[in-house]
PDB file of N, CA and C in Angstrom:
ATOM      1  N   UNK A   1     193.194  52.392 158.207  1.00  0.00           N
ATOM      2  CA  UNK A   1     193.807  53.572 157.645  1.00  0.00           C
ATOM      3  C   UNK A   1     192.841  54.191 156.641  1.00  0.00           C
ATOM      4  N   UNK A   2     192.709  55.512 156.703  1.00  0.00           N
ATOM      5  CA  UNK A   2     191.805  56.229 155.813  1.00  0.00           C
ATOM      6  C   UNK A   2     192.591  56.732 154.613  1.00  0.00           C
ATOM      7  N   UNK A   3     192.109  56.455 153.455  1.00  0.00           N
ATOM      8  CA  UNK A   3     192.752  56.933 152.224  1.00  0.00           C
ATOM      9  C   UNK A   3     191.943  58.111 151.691  1.00  0.00           C
ATOM     10  N   UNK A   4     192.638  59.160 151.292  1.00  0.00           N
ATOM     11  CA  UNK A   4     191.972  60.346 150.771  1.00  0.00           C
ATOM     12  C   UNK A   4     192.282  60.483 149.282  1.00  0.00           C
ATOM     13  N   UNK A   5     191.302  60.995 148.541  1.00  0.00           N
ATOM     14  CA  UNK A   5     191.551  61.293 147.139  1.00  0.00           C
ATOM     15  C   UNK A   5     192.432  62.537 147.058  1.00  0.00           C
ATOM     16  N   UNK A   6     193.004  62.788 145.907  1.00  0.00           N
ATOM     17  CA  UNK A   6     193.855  63.972 145.721  1.00  0.00           C
ATOM     18  C   UNK A   6     193.062  65.251 145.987  1.00  0.00           C
ATOM     19  N   UNK A   7     191.810  65.283 145.558  1.00  0.00           N
ATOM     20  CA  UNK A   7     190.959  66.459 145.775  1.00  0.00           C
ATOM     21  C   UNK A   7     190.728  66.676 147.271  1.00  0.00           C
ATOM     22  N   UNK A   8     190.398  65.613 148.009  1.00  0.00           N
ATOM     23  CA  UNK A   8     190.192  65.728 149.460  1.00  0.00           C
ATOM     24  C   UNK A   8     191.471  66.159 150.173  1.00  0.00           C
ATOM     25  N   UNK A   9     192.581  65.615 149.730  1.00  0.00           N
ATOM     26  CA  UNK A   9     193.864  65.965 150.316  1.00  0.00           C
ATOM     27  C   UNK A   9     194.193  67.443 150.072  1.00  0.00           C
ATOM     28  N   UNK A  10     193.936  67.922 148.869  1.00  0.00           N
ATOM     29  CA  UNK A  10     194.187  69.324 148.546  1.00  0.00           C
ATOM     30  C   UNK A  10     193.343  70.244 149.417  1.00  0.00           C
ATOM     31  N   UNK A  11     192.087  69.886 149.643  1.00  0.00           N
ATOM     32  CA  UNK A  11     191.221  70.689 150.517  1.00  0.00           C
ATOM     33  C   UNK A  11     191.710  70.660 151.957  1.00  0.00           C
ATOM     34  N   UNK A  12     192.184  69.507 152.396  1.00  0.00           N
ATOM     35  CA  UNK A  12     192.642  69.366 153.780  1.00  0.00           C
ATOM     36  C   UNK A  12     193.883  70.200 154.059  1.00  0.00           C
ATOM     37  N   UNK A  13     194.734  70.416 153.053  1.00  0.00           N
ATOM     38  CA  UNK A  13     195.952  71.194 153.260  1.00  0.00           C
ATOM     39  C   UNK A  13     195.646  72.600 153.773  1.00  0.00           C
ATOM     40  N   UNK A  14     194.506  73.145 153.425  1.00  0.00           N
ATOM     41  CA  UNK A  14     194.122  74.471 153.905  1.00  0.00           C
ATOM     42  C   UNK A  14     193.835  74.502 155.391  1.00  0.00           C
ATOM     43  N   UNK A  15     193.572  73.348 155.984  1.00  0.00           N
ATOM     44  CA  UNK A  15     193.261  73.266 157.415  1.00  0.00           C
ATOM     45  C   UNK A  15     194.412  72.734 158.249  1.00  0.00           C
ATOM     46  N   UNK A  16     195.530  72.457 157.609  1.00  0.00           N
ATOM     47  CA  UNK A  16     196.681  71.888 158.311  1.00  0.00           C
ATOM     48  C   UNK A  16     197.705  72.979 158.569  1.00  0.00           C
ATOM     49  N   UNK A  17     198.269  72.951 159.759  1.00  0.00           N
ATOM     50  CA  UNK A  17     199.271  73.949 160.116  1.00  0.00           C
ATOM     51  C   UNK A  17     200.412  73.280 160.860  1.00  0.00           C
ATOM     52  N   UNK A  18     201.609  73.781 160.633  1.00  0.00           N
ATOM     53  CA  UNK A  18     202.786  73.276 161.333  1.00  0.00           C
ATOM     54  C   UNK A  18     202.739  73.746 162.791  1.00  0.00           C
ATOM     55  N   UNK A  19     203.016  72.836 163.709  1.00  0.00           N
ATOM     56  CA  UNK A  19     203.105  73.176 165.126  1.00  0.00           C
ATOM     57  C   UNK A  19     204.536  72.889 165.563  1.00  0.00           C
ATOM     58  N   UNK A  20     205.298  73.947 165.776  1.00  0.00           N
ATOM     59  CA  UNK A  20     206.691  73.792 166.161  1.00  0.00           C
ATOM     60  C   UNK A  20     206.785  73.369 167.621  1.00  0.00           C
ATOM     61  N   UNK A  21     207.721  72.506 167.937  1.00  0.00           N
ATOM     62  CA  UNK A  21     207.832  71.947 169.270  1.00  0.00           C
ATOM     63  C   UNK A  21     208.781  72.719 170.184  1.00  0.00           C
ATOM     64  N   UNK A  22     209.678  73.522 169.627  1.00  0.00           N
ATOM     65  CA  UNK A  22     210.643  74.262 170.426  1.00  0.00           C
ATOM     66  C   UNK A  22     210.220  75.729 170.498  1.00  0.00           C
ATOM     67  N   UNK A  23     209.587  76.167 171.592  1.00  0.00           N
ATOM     68  CA  UNK A  23     209.105  77.548 171.663  1.00  0.00           C
ATOM     69  C   UNK A  23     210.230  78.571 171.614  1.00  0.00           C
ATOM     70  N   UNK A  24     211.441  78.189 172.011  1.00  0.00           N
ATOM     71  CA  UNK A  24     212.552  79.137 171.983  1.00  0.00           C
ATOM     72  C   UNK A  24     212.970  79.497 170.562  1.00  0.00           C
ATOM     73  N   UNK A  25     212.731  78.608 169.622  1.00  0.00           N
ATOM     74  CA  UNK A  25     213.102  78.914 168.251  1.00  0.00           C
ATOM     75  C   UNK A  25     211.911  79.321 167.389  1.00  0.00           C
ATOM     76  N   UNK A  26     210.690  79.117 167.869  1.00  0.00           N
ATOM     77  CA  UNK A  26     209.532  79.427 167.040  1.00  0.00           C
ATOM     78  C   UNK A  26     208.727  80.623 167.536  1.00  0.00           C
ATOM     79  N   UNK A  27     208.910  81.039 168.779  1.00  0.00           N
ATOM     80  CA  UNK A  27     208.194  82.191 169.320  1.00  0.00           C
ATOM     81  C   UNK A  27     209.171  83.321 169.589  1.00  0.00           C
ATOM     82  N   UNK A  28     208.783  84.524 169.231  1.00  0.00           N
ATOM     83  CA  UNK A  28     209.615  85.692 169.454  1.00  0.00           C
ATOM     84  C   UNK A  28     209.409  86.163 170.899  1.00  0.00           C
ATOM     85  N   UNK A  29     210.450  86.110 171.733  1.00  0.00           N
ATOM     86  CA  UNK A  29     210.287  86.503 173.139  1.00  0.00           C
ATOM     87  C   UNK A  29     210.015  87.994 173.315  1.00  0.00           C
ATOM     88  N   UNK A  30     210.190  88.780 172.278  1.00  0.00           N
ATOM     89  CA  UNK A  30     209.915  90.217 172.356  1.00  0.00           C
ATOM     90  C   UNK A  30     208.454  90.552 172.062  1.00  0.00           C
ATOM     91  N   UNK A  31     207.701  89.548 171.644  1.00  0.00           N
ATOM     92  CA  UNK A  31     206.289  89.765 171.329  1.00  0.00           C
ATOM     93  C   UNK A  31     205.420  89.246 172.464  1.00  0.00           C
ATOM     94  N   UNK A  32     204.320  89.943 172.706  1.00  0.00           N
ATOM     95  CA  UNK A  32     203.349  89.460 173.679  1.00  0.00           C
ATOM     96  C   UNK A  32     202.543  88.333 173.037  1.00  0.00           C
ATOM     97  N   UNK A  33     201.854  87.559 173.864  1.00  0.00           N
ATOM     98  CA  UNK A  33     201.021  86.480 173.317  1.00  0.00           C
ATOM     99  C   UNK A  33     199.922  87.059 172.432  1.00  0.00           C
ATOM    100  N   UNK A  34     199.404  88.239 172.787  1.00  0.00           N
ATOM    101  CA  UNK A  34     198.386  88.891 171.947  1.00  0.00           C
ATOM    102  C   UNK A  34     198.970  89.190 170.565  1.00  0.00           C
ATOM    103  N   UNK A  35     200.190  89.718 170.507  1.00  0.00           N
ATOM    104  CA  UNK A  35     200.827  90.009 169.221  1.00  0.00           C
ATOM    105  C   UNK A  35     201.064  88.730 168.421  1.00  0.00           C
ATOM    106  N   UNK A  36     201.470  87.673 169.106  1.00  0.00           N
ATOM    107  CA  UNK A  36     201.718  86.397 168.426  1.00  0.00           C
ATOM    108  C   UNK A  36     200.426  85.833 167.839  1.00  0.00           C
ATOM    109  N   UNK A  37     199.333  85.959 168.586  1.00  0.00           N
ATOM    110  CA  UNK A  37     198.051  85.429 168.107  1.00  0.00           C
ATOM    111  C   UNK A  37     197.421  86.294 167.029  1.00  0.00           C
ATOM    112  N   UNK A  38     197.615  87.611 167.100  1.00  0.00           N
ATOM    113  CA  UNK A  38     196.943  88.493 166.138  1.00  0.00           C
ATOM    114  C   UNK A  38     197.739  88.703 164.854  1.00  0.00           C
ATOM    115  N   UNK A  39     199.038  88.431 164.864  1.00  0.00           N
ATOM    116  CA  UNK A  39     199.840  88.661 163.657  1.00  0.00           C
ATOM    117  C   UNK A  39     199.325  87.883 162.444  1.00  0.00           C
ATOM    118  N   UNK A  40     199.050  86.572 162.554  1.00  0.00           N
ATOM    119  CA  UNK A  40     198.524  85.855 161.375  1.00  0.00           C
ATOM    120  C   UNK A  40     197.169  86.405 160.924  1.00  0.00           C
ATOM    121  N   UNK A  41     196.362  86.860 161.873  1.00  0.00           N
ATOM    122  CA  UNK A  41     195.066  87.439 161.512  1.00  0.00           C
ATOM    123  C   UNK A  41     195.254  88.741 160.757  1.00  0.00           C
ATOM    124  N   UNK A  42     196.249  89.524 161.157  1.00  0.00           N
ATOM    125  CA  UNK A  42     196.550  90.780 160.467  1.00  0.00           C
ATOM    126  C   UNK A  42     197.042  90.507 159.046  1.00  0.00           C
ATOM    127  N   UNK A  43     197.873  89.482 158.903  1.00  0.00           N
ATOM    128  CA  UNK A  43     198.474  89.192 157.611  1.00  0.00           C
ATOM    129  C   UNK A  43     197.542  88.466 156.639  1.00  0.00           C
ATOM    130  N   UNK A  44     196.643  87.630 157.158  1.00  0.00           N
ATOM    131  CA  UNK A  44     195.880  86.729 156.284  1.00  0.00           C
ATOM    132  C   UNK A  44     194.378  86.946 156.292  1.00  0.00           C
ATOM    133  N   UNK A  45     193.905  87.954 157.026  1.00  0.00           N
ATOM    134  CA  UNK A  45     192.463  88.237 157.013  1.00  0.00           C
ATOM    135  C   UNK A  45     192.257  89.730 156.827  1.00  0.00           C
ATOM    136  N   UNK A  46     191.018  90.118 156.666  1.00  0.00           N
ATOM    137  CA  UNK A  46     190.697  91.544 156.568  1.00  0.00           C
ATOM    138  C   UNK A  46     190.085  92.062 157.875  1.00  0.00           C
ATOM    139  N   UNK A  47     190.332  91.343 158.975  1.00  0.00           N
ATOM    140  CA  UNK A  47     189.792  91.743 160.280  1.00  0.00           C
ATOM    141  C   UNK A  47     190.454  93.042 160.734  1.00  0.00           C
ATOM    142  N   UNK A  48     189.647  93.931 161.364  1.00  0.00           N
ATOM    143  CA  UNK A  48     190.246  95.135 161.924  1.00  0.00           C
ATOM    144  C   UNK A  48     190.872  94.804 163.282  1.00  0.00           C
ATOM    145  N   UNK A  49     191.573  95.777 163.853  1.00  0.00           N
ATOM    146  CA  UNK A  49     192.342  95.532 165.074  1.00  0.00           C
ATOM    147  C   UNK A  49     191.457  95.059 166.230  1.00  0.00           C
ATOM    148  N   UNK A  50     190.299  95.665 166.401  1.00  0.00           N
ATOM    149  CA  UNK A  50     189.428  95.258 167.509  1.00  0.00           C
ATOM    150  C   UNK A  50     188.913  93.829 167.316  1.00  0.00           C
ATOM    151  N   UNK A  51     188.627  93.444 166.084  1.00  0.00           N
ATOM    152  CA  UNK A  51     188.171  92.074 165.808  1.00  0.00           C
ATOM    153  C   UNK A  51     189.295  91.077 166.052  1.00  0.00           C
ATOM    154  N   UNK A  52     190.523  91.444 165.648  1.00  0.00           N
ATOM    155  CA  UNK A  52     191.668  90.563 165.894  1.00  0.00           C
ATOM    156  C   UNK A  52     191.902  90.383 167.391  1.00  0.00           C
ATOM    157  N   UNK A  53     191.812  91.477 168.152  1.00  0.00           N
ATOM    158  CA  UNK A  53     192.009  91.387 169.600  1.00  0.00           C
ATOM    159  C   UNK A  53     190.912  90.560 170.261  1.00  0.00           C
ATOM    160  N   UNK A  54     189.688  90.699 169.771  1.00  0.00           N
ATOM    161  CA  UNK A  54     188.581  89.901 170.313  1.00  0.00           C
ATOM    162  C   UNK A  54     188.800  88.421 170.021  1.00  0.00           C
ATOM    163  N   UNK A  55     189.273  88.121 168.825  1.00  0.00           N
ATOM    164  CA  UNK A  55     189.547  86.716 168.461  1.00  0.00           C
ATOM    165  C   UNK A  55     190.655  86.148 169.339  1.00  0.00           C
ATOM    166  N   UNK A  56     191.709  86.925 169.567  1.00  0.00           N
ATOM    167  CA  UNK A  56     192.808  86.478 170.425  1.00  0.00           C
ATOM    168  C   UNK A  56     192.304  86.226 171.836  1.00  0.00           C
ATOM    169  N   UNK A  57     191.465  87.105 172.358  1.00  0.00           N
ATOM    170  CA  UNK A  57     190.902  86.918 173.696  1.00  0.00           C
ATOM    171  C   UNK A  57     190.062  85.645 173.745  1.00  0.00           C
ATOM    172  N   UNK A  58     189.295  85.386 172.692  1.00  0.00           N
ATOM    173  CA  UNK A  58     188.495  84.170 172.630  1.00  0.00           C
ATOM    174  C   UNK A  58     189.346  82.917 172.597  1.00  0.00           C
ATOM    175  N   UNK A  59     190.433  82.956 171.845  1.00  0.00           N
ATOM    176  CA  UNK A  59     191.336  81.802 171.775  1.00  0.00           C
ATOM    177  C   UNK A  59     191.981  81.531 173.129  1.00  0.00           C
ATOM    178  N   UNK A  60     192.403  82.585 173.805  1.00  0.00           N
ATOM    179  CA  UNK A  60     192.997  82.416 175.137  1.00  0.00           C
ATOM    180  C   UNK A  60     191.977  81.832 176.106  1.00  0.00           C
ATOM    181  N   UNK A  61     190.758  82.296 176.002  1.00  0.00           N
ATOM    182  CA  UNK A  61     189.691  81.779 176.865  1.00  0.00           C
ATOM    183  C   UNK A  61     189.435  80.296 176.600  1.00  0.00           C
ATOM    184  N   UNK A  62     189.488  79.889 175.337  1.00  0.00           N
ATOM    185  CA  UNK A  62     189.248  78.490 174.976  1.00  0.00           C
ATOM    186  C   UNK A  62     190.259  77.548 175.636  1.00  0.00           C
ATOM    187  N   UNK A  63     191.477  78.019 175.831  1.00  0.00           N
ATOM    188  CA  UNK A  63     192.506  77.175 176.434  1.00  0.00           C
ATOM    189  C   UNK A  63     192.775  77.549 177.896  1.00  0.00           C
ATOM    190  N   UNK A  64     191.856  78.319 178.471  1.00  0.00           N
ATOM    191  CA  UNK A  64     191.883  78.696 179.882  1.00  0.00           C
ATOM    192  C   UNK A  64     193.163  79.447 180.274  1.00  0.00           C
ATOM    193  N   UNK A  65     193.615  80.348 179.404  1.00  0.00           N
ATOM    194  CA  UNK A  65     194.746  81.208 179.710  1.00  0.00           C
ATOM    195  C   UNK A  65     194.249  82.629 179.909  1.00  0.00           C
ATOM    196  N   UNK A  66     194.810  83.313 180.867  1.00  0.00           N
ATOM    197  CA  UNK A  66     194.447  84.703 181.086  1.00  0.00           C
ATOM    198  C   UNK A  66     195.183  85.585 180.096  1.00  0.00           C
ATOM    199  N   UNK A  67     194.585  86.712 179.755  1.00  0.00           N
ATOM    200  CA  UNK A  67     195.190  87.610 178.769  1.00  0.00           C
ATOM    201  C   UNK A  67     196.532  88.182 179.254  1.00  0.00           C
ATOM    202  N   UNK A  68     196.696  88.303 180.535  1.00  0.00           N
ATOM    203  CA  UNK A  68     197.945  88.856 181.059  1.00  0.00           C
ATOM    204  C   UNK A  68     199.085  87.930 180.746  1.00  0.00           C
TER     205      UNK A  68
END
């Protein structure tokens, strides 16, 4: 078991994200996958729309999903 100091743990919290297991309660069925992927980028970064869309396309490509 790896033990982390409080400082290391605090830094790690920035890289940890909740992954909900029930898509029916965590994903909005009225939103496209592009909207779902770009919304956090819109809210938490200064990326413009084209950069957000490019990032979403890259993420979909990484997991072998088509944009459609």
